[in-house]
Protein backbone atom coordinates (compact mmCIF):
# COMPACT_ATOMS: atom_id res chain seq x y z
CA MET A 1 85.41 48.17 178.73
CA GLY A 2 86.00 44.30 178.89
CA SER A 3 87.36 41.44 177.05
CA SER A 4 87.71 40.58 173.45
CA PHE A 5 83.92 40.22 173.06
CA ALA A 6 84.00 44.02 173.58
CA ALA A 7 87.29 44.76 171.96
CA GLY A 8 86.42 43.00 168.53
CA PRO A 9 89.78 41.12 167.49
CA GLY A 10 89.76 40.08 163.83
CA ILE A 11 87.36 42.91 162.70
CA PRO A 12 89.32 45.39 160.81
CA ASP A 13 90.74 48.12 161.28
CA TYR A 14 92.15 48.33 164.74
CA TYR A 15 92.20 51.35 167.05
CA GLU A 16 95.04 51.12 169.49
CA ALA A 17 96.23 53.52 172.17
CA ALA A 18 99.43 52.64 174.07
CA PRO A 19 100.20 49.96 175.42
CA SER A 20 99.03 47.42 172.87
CA PRO A 21 98.09 45.12 171.32
CA CYS A 22 94.59 44.86 172.70
CA TYR A 23 93.07 44.39 169.22
CA ARG A 24 90.29 46.92 169.79
CA SER A 25 88.45 47.22 166.40
CA THR A 26 87.10 50.66 165.17
CA ARG A 27 84.02 48.64 164.43
CA ASN A 28 83.28 47.16 167.75
CA TYR A 29 80.08 48.00 169.54
CA ALA A 30 81.29 50.90 171.49
CA HIS A 31 82.80 52.55 168.49
CA GLN A 32 79.58 52.05 166.38
CA LEU A 33 77.56 53.41 169.10
CA ALA A 34 79.65 56.36 169.80
CA MET A 35 79.70 57.40 166.09
CA ARG A 36 76.06 57.05 165.95
CA LEU A 37 75.43 59.19 168.90
CA ASN A 38 78.26 61.46 168.60
CA LEU A 39 79.77 60.30 171.75
CA ASP A 40 83.30 61.02 173.08
CA LEU A 41 84.61 57.50 173.45
CA VAL A 42 87.47 56.04 175.64
CA ASP A 43 87.76 52.44 174.62
CA VAL A 44 89.82 50.46 177.24
CA SER A 45 88.56 46.90 176.36
CA CYS A 46 91.27 44.46 175.58
CA SER A 47 91.40 41.02 174.28
CA GLY A 48 92.12 38.38 176.95
CA ALA A 49 91.12 40.58 179.79
CA THR A 50 89.66 39.01 182.93
CA THR A 51 87.71 40.79 185.63
CA GLY A 52 90.89 41.23 187.39
CA HIS A 53 92.26 43.43 184.56
CA LEU A 54 89.47 45.87 185.14
CA THR A 55 90.61 46.34 188.64
CA GLY A 56 94.36 45.67 188.52
CA LEU A 57 97.41 46.20 186.25
CA ARG A 58 97.80 43.41 183.36
CA GLU A 59 101.49 42.54 182.68
CA MET A 60 102.20 42.02 179.04
CA PRO A 61 104.75 39.61 177.66
CA GLU A 62 106.74 42.46 175.86
CA GLY A 63 107.25 44.03 179.44
CA ASN A 64 104.25 46.65 179.20
CA ALA A 65 101.66 47.09 181.74
CA ILE A 66 98.13 47.90 181.09
CA PRO A 67 96.46 50.01 183.53
CA PRO A 68 93.28 48.93 185.21
CA GLN A 69 90.50 49.68 182.92
CA LEU A 70 88.31 51.23 185.70
CA ASP A 71 90.90 53.80 186.02
CA ALA A 72 89.53 55.45 182.73
CA LEU A 73 86.47 56.34 184.60
CA THR A 74 86.08 60.08 185.83
CA ALA A 75 83.16 62.07 187.43
CA GLU A 76 82.45 63.21 183.89
CA THR A 77 81.79 59.82 182.37
CA ARG A 78 78.20 59.50 181.41
CA LEU A 79 77.90 56.02 179.95
CA VAL A 80 79.94 52.73 180.59
CA THR A 81 79.46 49.45 178.66
CA ILE A 82 81.17 46.37 180.18
CA THR A 83 81.43 42.61 178.47
CA ILE A 84 83.54 40.51 180.86
CA GLY A 85 83.68 37.23 182.63
CA GLY A 86 84.34 34.59 179.80
CA ASN A 87 88.11 34.50 180.41
CA ASP A 88 87.78 33.87 184.10
CA LEU A 89 85.98 30.78 183.14
CA ALA A 90 88.12 29.75 180.34
CA TYR A 91 84.87 29.70 177.94
CA ILE A 92 86.59 30.30 174.75
CA GLY A 93 89.79 28.58 175.74
CA ARG A 94 87.91 25.40 176.37
CA LEU A 95 86.15 25.92 172.96
CA THR A 96 89.23 26.57 170.93
CA ALA A 97 91.23 23.84 172.70
CA GLY A 98 88.48 21.26 172.45
CA SER A 99 87.86 21.82 168.60
CA CYS A 100 91.44 21.38 167.94
CA PHE A 101 91.28 17.90 169.20
CA GLY A 102 87.80 17.30 167.74
CA LEU A 103 88.99 18.33 164.23
CA VAL A 104 92.06 16.14 164.38
CA ALA A 105 89.95 13.16 165.50
CA GLU A 106 87.69 13.87 162.65
CA THR A 107 90.35 14.35 159.85
CA GLY A 108 93.28 12.56 161.07
CA GLY A 109 96.68 14.14 161.77
CA SER A 110 98.65 15.06 165.10
CA THR A 111 97.43 16.73 168.23
CA THR A 112 100.64 18.14 169.02
CA SER A 113 99.68 21.71 168.26
CA CYS A 114 96.50 21.27 170.21
CA ARG A 115 96.62 22.76 173.78
CA ALA A 116 94.95 21.02 176.76
CA VAL A 117 91.21 21.65 177.34
CA PRO A 118 90.90 23.69 180.49
CA PRO A 119 89.02 22.17 183.16
CA LEU A 120 85.28 22.97 183.88
CA PRO A 121 84.72 25.80 186.19
CA THR A 122 84.01 24.86 189.73
CA GLU A 123 81.18 26.16 191.85
CA GLN A 124 83.71 28.26 193.71
CA MET A 125 84.81 29.94 190.25
CA TYR A 126 81.49 30.87 189.70
CA ALA A 127 80.95 32.33 193.09
CA ASP A 128 84.31 34.38 192.82
CA LEU A 129 83.20 35.72 189.33
CA SER A 130 79.88 36.80 190.69
CA ALA A 131 81.70 38.79 193.53
CA ARG A 132 84.31 40.17 191.32
CA MET A 133 81.63 41.40 188.86
CA ASP A 134 79.74 43.13 191.63
CA THR A 135 82.93 44.63 192.89
CA ILE A 136 83.20 46.07 189.27
CA ALA A 137 79.59 47.54 189.21
CA LYS A 138 80.12 49.15 192.52
CA GLU A 139 83.36 50.62 191.63
CA VAL A 140 81.66 51.99 188.37
CA ARG A 141 79.28 53.85 190.62
CA ARG A 142 81.66 55.10 192.98
CA ARG A 143 84.21 56.58 190.27
CA ALA A 144 81.55 57.70 187.90
CA PRO A 145 78.44 58.39 189.84
CA ALA A 146 76.54 60.24 187.11
CA ALA A 147 77.23 57.55 184.52
CA ARG A 148 74.66 55.05 183.14
CA LEU A 149 76.06 51.54 183.53
CA MET A 150 75.27 48.85 180.87
CA PHE A 151 76.31 45.28 181.07
CA VAL A 152 76.54 43.26 177.45
CA ASP A 153 76.50 39.66 177.97
CA TYR A 154 78.10 37.25 175.42
CA LEU A 155 77.03 36.67 172.00
CA ALA A 156 75.89 32.89 171.31
CA VAL A 157 78.92 30.94 170.05
CA LEU A 158 77.12 27.51 169.84
CA PRO A 159 73.63 26.72 168.57
CA GLU A 160 71.32 25.85 171.24
CA ALA A 161 71.43 22.19 170.54
CA GLY A 162 73.84 20.18 168.52
CA GLN A 163 76.77 21.07 166.71
CA CYS A 164 78.10 21.53 162.99
CA ALA A 165 81.49 21.34 160.90
CA ALA A 166 82.27 24.86 162.26
CA THR A 167 82.21 23.51 165.88
CA PRO A 168 84.01 20.17 165.78
CA LEU A 169 84.02 19.68 169.56
CA PRO A 170 84.53 16.23 171.06
CA ALA A 171 81.31 14.42 172.29
CA GLY A 172 79.71 15.93 175.26
CA GLN A 173 81.81 19.12 175.35
CA ALA A 174 79.40 21.08 173.49
CA ASP A 175 76.67 20.74 176.16
CA ALA A 176 79.16 21.41 178.94
CA ASP A 177 80.37 24.68 177.19
CA ARG A 178 76.75 25.62 176.66
CA GLU A 179 76.30 25.36 180.49
CA ILE A 180 79.18 27.79 180.98
CA ALA A 181 77.55 30.23 178.73
CA HIS A 182 74.32 30.07 180.48
CA ARG A 183 75.77 30.40 183.86
CA LEU A 184 77.87 33.36 182.66
CA ALA A 185 74.81 35.09 181.24
CA GLY A 186 72.93 34.32 184.39
CA ILE A 187 75.74 35.98 186.61
CA THR A 188 75.93 39.04 184.17
CA HIS A 189 72.13 39.63 184.58
CA LYS A 190 72.18 39.35 188.28
CA ILE A 191 74.80 41.51 188.90
CA ALA A 192 73.22 44.05 186.62
CA GLY A 193 69.81 43.85 188.43
CA ASP A 194 71.65 43.97 191.89
CA ASN A 195 73.41 47.25 190.97
CA GLY A 196 70.61 49.06 189.14
CA ALA A 197 72.44 48.69 185.65
CA GLY A 198 70.89 48.06 182.20
CA ILE A 199 71.48 44.81 180.38
CA ILE A 200 71.83 43.86 176.63
CA ALA A 201 71.15 40.07 176.45
CA ALA A 202 73.36 39.35 173.52
CA SER A 203 73.04 35.74 174.29
CA GLU A 204 69.24 36.06 173.76
CA LEU A 205 69.54 38.42 170.95
CA SER A 206 72.04 36.16 169.05
CA LYS A 207 69.97 32.99 169.12
CA GLY A 208 69.84 31.79 165.42
CA HIS A 209 73.09 33.62 164.63
CA ASP A 210 75.42 31.31 166.34
CA ALA A 211 78.45 29.94 164.46
CA CYS A 212 76.48 27.15 162.89
CA SER A 213 73.64 29.34 161.49
CA ALA A 214 73.14 30.52 157.90
CA SER A 215 73.54 34.08 159.06
CA PRO A 216 76.07 34.01 161.80
CA TRP A 217 77.49 36.71 164.12
CA MET A 218 80.02 34.46 165.27
CA HIS A 219 83.06 32.94 163.71
CA GLY A 220 83.57 29.10 164.00
CA PHE A 221 86.77 27.01 164.19
CA PRO A 222 88.72 27.05 160.97
CA ARG A 223 89.00 23.99 158.58
CA PRO A 224 91.33 23.24 155.92
CA GLU A 225 88.65 23.56 153.49
CA ALA A 226 86.87 26.32 155.19
CA PRO A 227 89.43 28.83 156.68
CA ILE A 228 87.90 31.99 158.43
CA ALA A 229 88.32 35.55 157.93
CA GLY A 230 88.43 36.59 161.52
CA THR A 231 89.22 35.36 165.00
CA LEU A 232 87.89 31.87 165.78
CA TYR A 233 84.92 31.92 168.11
CA HIS A 234 84.65 35.59 168.26
CA PRO A 235 82.02 37.96 167.14
CA ASN A 236 82.15 39.19 163.46
CA ALA A 237 81.17 42.71 162.31
CA ALA A 238 77.44 41.78 161.98
CA GLY A 239 77.45 40.60 165.56
CA MET A 240 78.98 43.99 166.65
CA THR A 241 76.39 45.80 164.73
CA ALA A 242 73.66 43.90 166.30
CA VAL A 243 74.93 45.07 169.83
CA ALA A 244 75.24 48.61 168.74
CA ASP A 245 71.72 48.59 167.37
CA ALA A 246 70.30 47.17 170.57
CA LEU A 247 72.26 49.52 172.70
CA GLU A 248 71.19 52.55 170.32
CA THR A 249 67.43 51.40 170.69
CA LEU A 250 67.63 51.15 174.54
CA LEU A 251 69.54 54.49 175.01
CA ARG A 252 67.47 56.64 172.66
């Protein structure tokens, strides 16, 4: 369960159960792991999900309502994987909006198609996210007491320092967004530790495989001369496979 970094938008083919669309890929890390270990998978991850969508209904523009992801848990559940939190902090939204302005500043043109860059998260937003993630972990324990709980944090989007053509952010924003990623990883690790859950540190595992690397696990921002075959600032198939590999190694 979780957000788009669990669902795998832009990685064909899609597996969808009503209501849709959540853009769940048949090659996301959960599907790859289930296939390798011959597990029965219930995939309720959904692109755009926040922590609130794990615990409550999510209303969709077309009038559908997606049930709380935690409702998929039963007493028979034996393994739960969760990647969540980035949308609560507008992490990818900031990267996407900032890159639109940055690319226009670099190449010329109009900013009319660029969305406003969301503000930086406040300390209260970080505290609220931590509390909600703790609630999620405890709800998993309550609803599926025999399950092994594994948190997977977010694969690295930006390099540890600097930028490249694939990340055309305005001056200063890259460092601010790296700090969001760092804080999000720290919260995820703390919640996992506080609740006796496992952790796959995808943020560490993917260092050197960011959107600027020679072997990226992450799509960058599309440019006129370099379109991308995937969803901007989201994992590619290689990134999902790397997370599946790490989960398989740990579970075995």
